[in-house]
Protein backbone atom coordinates (compact mmCIF):
# COMPACT_ATOMS: atom_id res chain seq x y z
CA UNK A 1 0.00 0.00 0.00
CA UNK A 2 1.03 3.61 -0.10
CA UNK A 3 3.04 5.34 2.58
CA UNK A 4 0.06 7.64 3.23
CA UNK A 5 -2.20 4.66 4.02
CA UNK A 6 0.41 3.14 6.31
CA UNK A 7 0.92 6.44 8.13
CA UNK A 8 -2.83 6.89 8.48
CA UNK A 9 -3.11 3.39 9.94
CA UNK A 10 -0.38 4.15 12.48
CA UNK A 11 -2.13 7.41 13.42
CA UNK A 12 -5.41 5.57 13.98
CA UNK A 13 -3.65 2.88 16.00
CA UNK A 14 -2.04 5.50 18.27
CA UNK A 15 -5.29 7.40 18.62
CA UNK A 16 -7.30 4.32 19.52
CA UNK A 17 -4.68 3.31 22.08
CA UNK A 18 -4.78 6.76 23.65
CA UNK A 19 -8.60 6.81 23.61
CA UNK A 20 -8.94 3.43 25.31
CA UNK A 21 -6.31 4.35 27.92
CA UNK A 22 -8.07 7.62 28.73
CA UNK A 23 -11.44 5.90 28.88
CA UNK A 24 -10.06 3.27 31.26
CA UNK A 25 -8.57 6.02 33.44
CA UNK A 26 -11.98 7.67 33.56
CA UNK A 27 -13.61 4.38 34.60
CA UNK A 28 -10.98 3.91 37.31
CA UNK A 29 -11.57 7.44 38.58
CA UNK A 30 -15.35 6.94 38.62
CA UNK A 31 -14.99 3.64 40.47
CA UNK A 32 -12.82 5.25 43.13
CA UNK A 33 -15.30 8.06 43.79
CA UNK A 34 -18.16 6.93 46.05
CA UNK A 35 -20.43 9.66 44.68
CA UNK A 36 -20.85 7.85 41.34
CA UNK A 37 -23.72 5.48 40.71
CA UNK A 38 -22.32 1.90 40.80
CA UNK A 39 -24.64 0.88 37.96
CA UNK A 40 -23.31 3.69 35.78
CA UNK A 41 -19.71 2.74 36.62
CA UNK A 42 -20.45 -0.87 35.67
CA UNK A 43 -22.06 0.14 32.36
CA UNK A 44 -19.21 2.44 31.35
CA UNK A 45 -16.72 -0.23 32.41
CA UNK A 46 -18.40 -2.76 30.13
CA UNK A 47 -18.58 -0.19 27.34
CA UNK A 48 -14.87 0.50 27.74
CA UNK A 49 -14.08 -3.19 27.33
CA UNK A 50 -16.31 -3.35 24.25
CA UNK A 51 -14.58 -0.30 22.74
CA UNK A 52 -11.14 -1.82 23.37
CA UNK A 53 -12.16 -5.16 21.85
CA UNK A 54 -13.81 -3.52 18.86
CA UNK A 55 -10.76 -1.34 18.29
CA UNK A 56 -8.53 -4.42 18.30
CA UNK A 57 -10.71 -6.10 15.67
CA UNK A 58 -10.82 -2.96 13.54
CA UNK A 59 -7.08 -2.37 13.84
CA UNK A 60 -6.28 -5.97 13.03
CA UNK A 61 -7.94 -5.67 9.63
CA UNK A 62 -6.68 -2.12 9.07
CA UNK A 63 -3.13 -3.34 9.69
CA UNK A 64 -3.64 -6.16 7.21
CA UNK A 65 -4.80 -3.69 4.56
CA UNK A 66 -2.14 -1.08 5.39
CA UNK A 67 0.62 -3.63 4.88
CA UNK A 68 -0.71 -4.60 1.47
CA UNK A 69 -2.70 -7.70 2.47
CA UNK A 70 0.32 -9.99 2.93
CA UNK A 71 -0.11 -13.73 2.86
CA UNK A 72 1.16 -14.23 6.41
CA UNK A 73 1.60 -12.39 9.69
CA UNK A 74 5.35 -13.02 9.39
CA UNK A 75 5.42 -10.74 6.36
CA UNK A 76 3.83 -7.95 8.40
CA UNK A 77 6.39 -8.48 11.19
CA UNK A 78 9.18 -8.34 8.57
CA UNK A 79 7.83 -5.00 7.36
CA UNK A 80 7.65 -3.65 10.92
CA UNK A 81 11.23 -4.63 11.66
CA UNK A 82 12.69 -3.71 8.28
PDB file of N, CA and C in Angstrom:
ATOM      1  N   UNK A   1       0.839  -1.178   0.000  1.00  0.00           N
ATOM      2  CA  UNK A   1       0.000   0.000   0.000  1.00  0.00           C
ATOM      3  C   UNK A   1       0.884   1.241   0.000  1.00  0.00           C
ATOM      4  N   UNK A   2       0.262   2.368  -0.068  1.00  0.00           N
ATOM      5  CA  UNK A   2       1.034   3.612  -0.104  1.00  0.00           C
ATOM      6  C   UNK A   2       1.508   4.011   1.284  1.00  0.00           C
ATOM      7  N   UNK A   3       2.521   4.841   1.300  1.00  0.00           N
ATOM      8  CA  UNK A   3       3.036   5.342   2.575  1.00  0.00           C
ATOM      9  C   UNK A   3       1.958   6.117   3.327  1.00  0.00           C
ATOM     10  N   UNK A   4       1.115   6.847   2.590  1.00  0.00           N
ATOM     11  CA  UNK A   4       0.059   7.638   3.234  1.00  0.00           C
ATOM     12  C   UNK A   4      -0.929   6.729   3.965  1.00  0.00           C
ATOM     13  N   UNK A   5      -1.270   5.596   3.379  1.00  0.00           N
ATOM     14  CA  UNK A   5      -2.197   4.661   4.023  1.00  0.00           C
ATOM     15  C   UNK A   5      -1.544   4.066   5.265  1.00  0.00           C
ATOM     16  N   UNK A   6      -0.300   3.699   5.162  1.00  0.00           N
ATOM     17  CA  UNK A   6       0.414   3.138   6.310  1.00  0.00           C
ATOM     18  C   UNK A   6       0.526   4.160   7.440  1.00  0.00           C
ATOM     19  N   UNK A   7       0.836   5.392   7.111  1.00  0.00           N
ATOM     20  CA  UNK A   7       0.916   6.437   8.127  1.00  0.00           C
ATOM     21  C   UNK A   7      -0.448   6.701   8.768  1.00  0.00           C
ATOM     22  N   UNK A   8      -1.480   6.687   7.947  1.00  0.00           N
ATOM     23  CA  UNK A   8      -2.834   6.890   8.482  1.00  0.00           C
ATOM     24  C   UNK A   8      -3.201   5.752   9.427  1.00  0.00           C
ATOM     25  N   UNK A   9      -2.858   4.526   9.058  1.00  0.00           N
ATOM     26  CA  UNK A   9      -3.111   3.386   9.938  1.00  0.00           C
ATOM     27  C   UNK A   9      -2.405   3.583  11.281  1.00  0.00           C
ATOM     28  N   UNK A  10      -1.141   3.963  11.235  1.00  0.00           N
ATOM     29  CA  UNK A  10      -0.380   4.152  12.477  1.00  0.00           C
ATOM     30  C   UNK A  10      -0.973   5.264  13.329  1.00  0.00           C
ATOM     31  N   UNK A  11      -1.464   6.327  12.683  1.00  0.00           N
ATOM     32  CA  UNK A  11      -2.128   7.412  13.423  1.00  0.00           C
ATOM     33  C   UNK A  11      -3.392   6.907  14.119  1.00  0.00           C
ATOM     34  N   UNK A  12      -4.175   6.120  13.399  1.00  0.00           N
ATOM     35  CA  UNK A  12      -5.408   5.574  13.979  1.00  0.00           C
ATOM     36  C   UNK A  12      -5.073   4.632  15.125  1.00  0.00           C
ATOM     37  N   UNK A  13      -4.056   3.812  14.951  1.00  0.00           N
ATOM     38  CA  UNK A  13      -3.648   2.885  16.002  1.00  0.00           C
ATOM     39  C   UNK A  13      -3.248   3.649  17.269  1.00  0.00           C
ATOM     40  N   UNK A  14      -2.444   4.691  17.119  1.00  0.00           N
ATOM     41  CA  UNK A  14      -2.037   5.502  18.274  1.00  0.00           C
ATOM     42  C   UNK A  14      -3.241   6.190  18.912  1.00  0.00           C
ATOM     43  N   UNK A  15      -4.117   6.709  18.093  1.00  0.00           N
ATOM     44  CA  UNK A  15      -5.291   7.404  18.618  1.00  0.00           C
ATOM     45  C   UNK A  15      -6.211   6.466  19.375  1.00  0.00           C
ATOM     46  N   UNK A  16      -6.436   5.283  18.842  1.00  0.00           N
ATOM     47  CA  UNK A  16      -7.299   4.321  19.524  1.00  0.00           C
ATOM     48  C   UNK A  16      -6.667   3.857  20.830  1.00  0.00           C
ATOM     49  N   UNK A  17      -5.367   3.689  20.846  1.00  0.00           N
ATOM     50  CA  UNK A  17      -4.682   3.306  22.078  1.00  0.00           C
ATOM     51  C   UNK A  17      -4.837   4.402  23.134  1.00  0.00           C
ATOM     52  N   UNK A  18      -4.629   5.647  22.715  1.00  0.00           N
ATOM     53  CA  UNK A  18      -4.779   6.761  23.646  1.00  0.00           C
ATOM     54  C   UNK A  18      -6.226   6.858  24.137  1.00  0.00           C
ATOM     55  N   UNK A  19      -7.191   6.721  23.243  1.00  0.00           N
ATOM     56  CA  UNK A  19      -8.601   6.809  23.614  1.00  0.00           C
ATOM     57  C   UNK A  19      -8.967   5.737  24.637  1.00  0.00           C
ATOM     58  N   UNK A  20      -8.569   4.501  24.385  1.00  0.00           N
ATOM     59  CA  UNK A  20      -8.941   3.433  25.305  1.00  0.00           C
ATOM     60  C   UNK A  20      -8.240   3.591  26.655  1.00  0.00           C
ATOM     61  N   UNK A  21      -7.010   4.098  26.656  1.00  0.00           N
ATOM     62  CA  UNK A  21      -6.310   4.346  27.924  1.00  0.00           C
ATOM     63  C   UNK A  21      -6.997   5.448  28.722  1.00  0.00           C
ATOM     64  N   UNK A  22      -7.385   6.514  28.048  1.00  0.00           N
ATOM     65  CA  UNK A  22      -8.072   7.617  28.728  1.00  0.00           C
ATOM     66  C   UNK A  22      -9.442   7.180  29.241  1.00  0.00           C
ATOM     67  N   UNK A  23     -10.134   6.397  28.451  1.00  0.00           N
ATOM     68  CA  UNK A  23     -11.439   5.900  28.875  1.00  0.00           C
ATOM     69  C   UNK A  23     -11.300   5.000  30.096  1.00  0.00           C
ATOM     70  N   UNK A  24     -10.288   4.139  30.105  1.00  0.00           N
ATOM     71  CA  UNK A  24     -10.059   3.267  31.255  1.00  0.00           C
ATOM     72  C   UNK A  24      -9.693   4.089  32.497  1.00  0.00           C
ATOM     73  N   UNK A  25      -8.912   5.134  32.322  1.00  0.00           N
ATOM     74  CA  UNK A  25      -8.571   6.016  33.444  1.00  0.00           C
ATOM     75  C   UNK A  25      -9.823   6.676  34.005  1.00  0.00           C
ATOM     76  N   UNK A  26     -10.724   7.064  33.124  1.00  0.00           N
ATOM     77  CA  UNK A  26     -11.982   7.672  33.557  1.00  0.00           C
ATOM     78  C   UNK A  26     -12.813   6.666  34.356  1.00  0.00           C
ATOM     79  N   UNK A  27     -12.878   5.433  33.877  1.00  0.00           N
ATOM     80  CA  UNK A  27     -13.606   4.385  34.597  1.00  0.00           C
ATOM     81  C   UNK A  27     -12.987   4.169  35.970  1.00  0.00           C
ATOM     82  N   UNK A  28     -11.668   4.101  36.029  1.00  0.00           N
ATOM     83  CA  UNK A  28     -10.980   3.905  37.307  1.00  0.00           C
ATOM     84  C   UNK A  28     -11.284   5.051  38.272  1.00  0.00           C
ATOM     85  N   UNK A  29     -11.283   6.280  37.756  1.00  0.00           N
ATOM     86  CA  UNK A  29     -11.569   7.445  38.578  1.00  0.00           C
ATOM     87  C   UNK A  29     -13.021   7.390  39.092  1.00  0.00           C
ATOM     88  N   UNK A  30     -13.948   7.024  38.210  1.00  0.00           N
ATOM     89  CA  UNK A  30     -15.354   6.936  38.620  1.00  0.00           C
ATOM     90  C   UNK A  30     -15.545   5.863  39.687  1.00  0.00           C
ATOM     91  N   UNK A  31     -14.868   4.733  39.515  1.00  0.00           N
ATOM     92  CA  UNK A  31     -14.994   3.639  40.474  1.00  0.00           C
ATOM     93  C   UNK A  31     -14.435   3.982  41.836  1.00  0.00           C
ATOM     94  N   UNK A  32     -13.447   4.873  41.865  1.00  0.00           N
ATOM     95  CA  UNK A  32     -12.815   5.253  43.126  1.00  0.00           C
ATOM     96  C   UNK A  32     -13.619   6.320  43.874  1.00  0.00           C
ATOM     97  N   UNK A  33     -14.518   6.992  43.158  1.00  0.00           N
ATOM     98  CA  UNK A  33     -15.305   8.060  43.792  1.00  0.00           C
ATOM     99  C   UNK A  33     -16.651   7.493  44.246  1.00  0.00           C
ATOM    100  N   UNK A  34     -16.910   7.517  45.542  1.00  0.00           N
ATOM    101  CA  UNK A  34     -18.161   6.930  46.050  1.00  0.00           C
ATOM    102  C   UNK A  34     -19.416   7.669  45.594  1.00  0.00           C
ATOM    103  N   UNK A  35     -19.261   8.887  45.095  1.00  0.00           N
ATOM    104  CA  UNK A  35     -20.431   9.661  44.676  1.00  0.00           C
ATOM    105  C   UNK A  35     -21.054   9.143  43.378  1.00  0.00           C
ATOM    106  N   UNK A  36     -20.321   8.338  42.619  1.00  0.00           N
ATOM    107  CA  UNK A  36     -20.845   7.850  41.344  1.00  0.00           C
ATOM    108  C   UNK A  36     -21.760   6.642  41.541  1.00  0.00           C
ATOM    109  N   UNK A  37     -22.758   6.577  40.710  1.00  0.00           N
ATOM    110  CA  UNK A  37     -23.722   5.483  40.714  1.00  0.00           C
ATOM    111  C   UNK A  37     -23.000   4.191  40.302  1.00  0.00           C
ATOM    112  N   UNK A  38     -23.012   3.148  41.133  1.00  0.00           N
ATOM    113  CA  UNK A  38     -22.320   1.895  40.795  1.00  0.00           C
ATOM    114  C   UNK A  38     -22.817   1.265  39.493  1.00  0.00           C
ATOM    115  N   UNK A  39     -24.107   1.430  39.204  1.00  0.00           N
ATOM    116  CA  UNK A  39     -24.638   0.882  37.959  1.00  0.00           C
ATOM    117  C   UNK A  39     -24.046   1.601  36.745  1.00  0.00           C
ATOM    118  N   UNK A  40     -23.902   2.909  36.871  1.00  0.00           N
ATOM    119  CA  UNK A  40     -23.311   3.686  35.781  1.00  0.00           C
ATOM    120  C   UNK A  40     -21.835   3.318  35.600  1.00  0.00           C
ATOM    121  N   UNK A  41     -21.129   3.135  36.687  1.00  0.00           N
ATOM    122  CA  UNK A  41     -19.712   2.744  36.620  1.00  0.00           C
ATOM    123  C   UNK A  41     -19.593   1.382  35.940  1.00  0.00           C
ATOM    124  N   UNK A  42     -20.476   0.451  36.290  1.00  0.00           N
ATOM    125  CA  UNK A  42     -20.454  -0.869  35.674  1.00  0.00           C
ATOM    126  C   UNK A  42     -20.716  -0.773  34.165  1.00  0.00           C
ATOM    127  N   UNK A  43     -21.722   0.015  33.787  1.00  0.00           N
ATOM    128  CA  UNK A  43     -22.062   0.141  32.358  1.00  0.00           C
ATOM    129  C   UNK A  43     -20.923   0.760  31.557  1.00  0.00           C
ATOM    130  N   UNK A  44     -20.310   1.814  32.094  1.00  0.00           N
ATOM    131  CA  UNK A  44     -19.209   2.438  31.351  1.00  0.00           C
ATOM    132  C   UNK A  44     -17.988   1.523  31.336  1.00  0.00           C
ATOM    133  N   UNK A  45     -17.816   0.739  32.385  1.00  0.00           N
ATOM    134  CA  UNK A  45     -16.721  -0.232  32.409  1.00  0.00           C
ATOM    135  C   UNK A  45     -16.907  -1.280  31.311  1.00  0.00           C
ATOM    136  N   UNK A  46     -18.117  -1.773  31.185  1.00  0.00           N
ATOM    137  CA  UNK A  46     -18.405  -2.759  30.135  1.00  0.00           C
ATOM    138  C   UNK A  46     -18.275  -2.136  28.749  1.00  0.00           C
ATOM    139  N   UNK A  47     -18.713  -0.892  28.622  1.00  0.00           N
ATOM    140  CA  UNK A  47     -18.576  -0.188  27.344  1.00  0.00           C
ATOM    141  C   UNK A  47     -17.127   0.035  26.971  1.00  0.00           C
ATOM    142  N   UNK A  48     -16.299   0.305  27.972  1.00  0.00           N
ATOM    143  CA  UNK A  48     -14.868   0.497  27.740  1.00  0.00           C
ATOM    144  C   UNK A  48     -14.231  -0.787  27.219  1.00  0.00           C
ATOM    145  N   UNK A  49     -14.602  -1.901  27.804  1.00  0.00           N
ATOM    146  CA  UNK A  49     -14.084  -3.195  27.329  1.00  0.00           C
ATOM    147  C   UNK A  49     -14.530  -3.463  25.902  1.00  0.00           C
ATOM    148  N   UNK A  50     -15.790  -3.147  25.607  1.00  0.00           N
ATOM    149  CA  UNK A  50     -16.309  -3.355  24.248  1.00  0.00           C
ATOM    150  C   UNK A  50     -15.585  -2.460  23.248  1.00  0.00           C
ATOM    151  N   UNK A  51     -15.315  -1.214  23.631  1.00  0.00           N
ATOM    152  CA  UNK A  51     -14.581  -0.303  22.744  1.00  0.00           C
ATOM    153  C   UNK A  51     -13.174  -0.829  22.481  1.00  0.00           C
ATOM    154  N   UNK A  52     -12.502  -1.290  23.531  1.00  0.00           N
ATOM    155  CA  UNK A  52     -11.144  -1.818  23.371  1.00  0.00           C
ATOM    156  C   UNK A  52     -11.145  -3.037  22.444  1.00  0.00           C
ATOM    157  N   UNK A  53     -12.092  -3.958  22.672  1.00  0.00           N
ATOM    158  CA  UNK A  53     -12.159  -5.165  21.850  1.00  0.00           C
ATOM    159  C   UNK A  53     -12.496  -4.832  20.406  1.00  0.00           C
ATOM    160  N   UNK A  54     -13.435  -3.927  20.212  1.00  0.00           N
ATOM    161  CA  UNK A  54     -13.814  -3.524  18.856  1.00  0.00           C
ATOM    162  C   UNK A  54     -12.653  -2.844  18.139  1.00  0.00           C
ATOM    163  N   UNK A  55     -11.922  -2.013  18.878  1.00  0.00           N
ATOM    164  CA  UNK A  55     -10.762  -1.342  18.290  1.00  0.00           C
ATOM    165  C   UNK A  55      -9.717  -2.356  17.847  1.00  0.00           C
ATOM    166  N   UNK A  56      -9.513  -3.390  18.658  1.00  0.00           N
ATOM    167  CA  UNK A  56      -8.530  -4.417  18.299  1.00  0.00           C
ATOM    168  C   UNK A  56      -8.940  -5.148  17.015  1.00  0.00           C
ATOM    169  N   UNK A  57     -10.217  -5.438  16.881  1.00  0.00           N
ATOM    170  CA  UNK A  57     -10.711  -6.095  15.669  1.00  0.00           C
ATOM    171  C   UNK A  57     -10.521  -5.176  14.465  1.00  0.00           C
ATOM    172  N   UNK A  58     -10.947  -3.944  14.610  1.00  0.00           N
ATOM    173  CA  UNK A  58     -10.823  -2.964  13.541  1.00  0.00           C
ATOM    174  C   UNK A  58      -9.362  -2.792  13.139  1.00  0.00           C
ATOM    175  N   UNK A  59      -8.486  -2.610  14.127  1.00  0.00           N
ATOM    176  CA  UNK A  59      -7.077  -2.373  13.840  1.00  0.00           C
ATOM    177  C   UNK A  59      -6.395  -3.591  13.231  1.00  0.00           C
ATOM    178  N   UNK A  60      -6.846  -4.762  13.598  1.00  0.00           N
ATOM    179  CA  UNK A  60      -6.277  -5.973  13.026  1.00  0.00           C
ATOM    180  C   UNK A  60      -6.473  -5.989  11.508  1.00  0.00           C
ATOM    181  N   UNK A  61      -7.685  -5.680  11.071  1.00  0.00           N
ATOM    182  CA  UNK A  61      -7.939  -5.671   9.627  1.00  0.00           C
ATOM    183  C   UNK A  61      -7.283  -4.459   8.967  1.00  0.00           C
ATOM    184  N   UNK A  62      -7.311  -3.316   9.636  1.00  0.00           N
ATOM    185  CA  UNK A  62      -6.682  -2.124   9.070  1.00  0.00           C
ATOM    186  C   UNK A  62      -5.180  -2.340   8.866  1.00  0.00           C
ATOM    187  N   UNK A  63      -4.551  -3.034   9.814  1.00  0.00           N
ATOM    188  CA  UNK A  63      -3.128  -3.345   9.691  1.00  0.00           C
ATOM    189  C   UNK A  63      -2.888  -4.250   8.490  1.00  0.00           C
ATOM    190  N   UNK A  64      -3.740  -5.233   8.337  1.00  0.00           N
ATOM    191  CA  UNK A  64      -3.638  -6.164   7.211  1.00  0.00           C
ATOM    192  C   UNK A  64      -3.713  -5.400   5.886  1.00  0.00           C
ATOM    193  N   UNK A  65      -4.641  -4.475   5.786  1.00  0.00           N
ATOM    194  CA  UNK A  65      -4.797  -3.689   4.559  1.00  0.00           C
ATOM    195  C   UNK A  65      -3.614  -2.734   4.389  1.00  0.00           C
ATOM    196  N   UNK A  66      -3.225  -2.066   5.460  1.00  0.00           N
ATOM    197  CA  UNK A  66      -2.143  -1.081   5.386  1.00  0.00           C
ATOM    198  C   UNK A  66      -0.830  -1.701   4.926  1.00  0.00           C
ATOM    199  N   UNK A  67      -0.616  -2.949   5.286  1.00  0.00           N
ATOM    200  CA  UNK A  67       0.618  -3.628   4.885  1.00  0.00           C
ATOM    201  C   UNK A  67       0.458  -4.395   3.579  1.00  0.00           C
ATOM    202  N   UNK A  68      -0.561  -4.061   2.807  1.00  0.00           N
ATOM    203  CA  UNK A  68      -0.711  -4.603   1.468  1.00  0.00           C
ATOM    204  C   UNK A  68      -1.293  -6.001   1.401  1.00  0.00           C
ATOM    205  N   UNK A  69      -2.032  -6.409   2.414  1.00  0.00           N
ATOM    206  CA  UNK A  69      -2.699  -7.703   2.466  1.00  0.00           C
ATOM    207  C   UNK A  69      -1.720  -8.861   2.254  1.00  0.00           C
ATOM    208  N   UNK A  70      -0.678  -8.923   3.080  1.00  0.00           N
ATOM    209  CA  UNK A  70       0.322  -9.989   2.931  1.00  0.00           C
ATOM    210  C   UNK A  70      -0.286 -11.362   3.206  1.00  0.00           C
ATOM    211  N   UNK A  71       0.393 -12.374   2.717  1.00  0.00           N
ATOM    212  CA  UNK A  71      -0.109 -13.734   2.859  1.00  0.00           C
ATOM    213  C   UNK A  71       0.039 -14.284   4.265  1.00  0.00           C
ATOM    214  N   UNK A  72       0.969 -13.724   5.050  1.00  0.00           N
ATOM    215  CA  UNK A  72       1.163 -14.234   6.409  1.00  0.00           C
ATOM    216  C   UNK A  72       1.512 -13.110   7.365  1.00  0.00           C
ATOM    217  N   UNK A  73       1.270 -13.355   8.649  1.00  0.00           N
ATOM    218  CA  UNK A  73       1.604 -12.385   9.692  1.00  0.00           C
ATOM    219  C   UNK A  73       3.116 -12.154   9.743  1.00  0.00           C
ATOM    220  N   UNK A  74       3.893 -13.172   9.403  1.00  0.00           N
ATOM    221  CA  UNK A  74       5.351 -13.023   9.389  1.00  0.00           C
ATOM    222  C   UNK A  74       5.791 -11.915   8.439  1.00  0.00           C
ATOM    223  N   UNK A  75       5.076 -11.788   7.328  1.00  0.00           N
ATOM    224  CA  UNK A  75       5.424 -10.739   6.364  1.00  0.00           C
ATOM    225  C   UNK A  75       5.163  -9.358   6.956  1.00  0.00           C
ATOM    226  N   UNK A  76       4.104  -9.224   7.742  1.00  0.00           N
ATOM    227  CA  UNK A  76       3.831  -7.947   8.401  1.00  0.00           C
ATOM    228  C   UNK A  76       4.930  -7.668   9.408  1.00  0.00           C
ATOM    229  N   UNK A  77       5.322  -8.661  10.200  1.00  0.00           N
ATOM    230  CA  UNK A  77       6.386  -8.480  11.187  1.00  0.00           C
ATOM    231  C   UNK A  77       7.691  -8.094  10.496  1.00  0.00           C
ATOM    232  N   UNK A  78       7.981  -8.698   9.328  1.00  0.00           N
ATOM    233  CA  UNK A  78       9.182  -8.339   8.573  1.00  0.00           C
ATOM    234  C   UNK A  78       9.149  -6.872   8.173  1.00  0.00           C
ATOM    235  N   UNK A  79       7.969  -6.406   7.750  1.00  0.00           N
ATOM    236  CA  UNK A  79       7.828  -4.996   7.360  1.00  0.00           C
ATOM    237  C   UNK A  79       8.034  -4.080   8.563  1.00  0.00           C
ATOM    238  N   UNK A  80       7.512  -4.466   9.712  1.00  0.00           N
ATOM    239  CA  UNK A  80       7.647  -3.651  10.920  1.00  0.00           C
ATOM    240  C   UNK A  80       9.099  -3.538  11.349  1.00  0.00           C
ATOM    241  N   UNK A  81       9.843  -4.617  11.218  1.00  0.00           N
ATOM    242  CA  UNK A  81      11.231  -4.629  11.656  1.00  0.00           C
ATOM    243  C   UNK A  81      12.178  -4.067  10.602  1.00  0.00           C
ATOM    244  N   UNK A  82      11.801  -4.144   9.349  1.00  0.00           N
ATOM    245  CA  UNK A  82      12.690  -3.710   8.277  1.00  0.00           C
ATOM    246  C   UNK A  82      12.453  -2.323   7.897  1.00  0.00           C
TER     247      UNK A  82
END
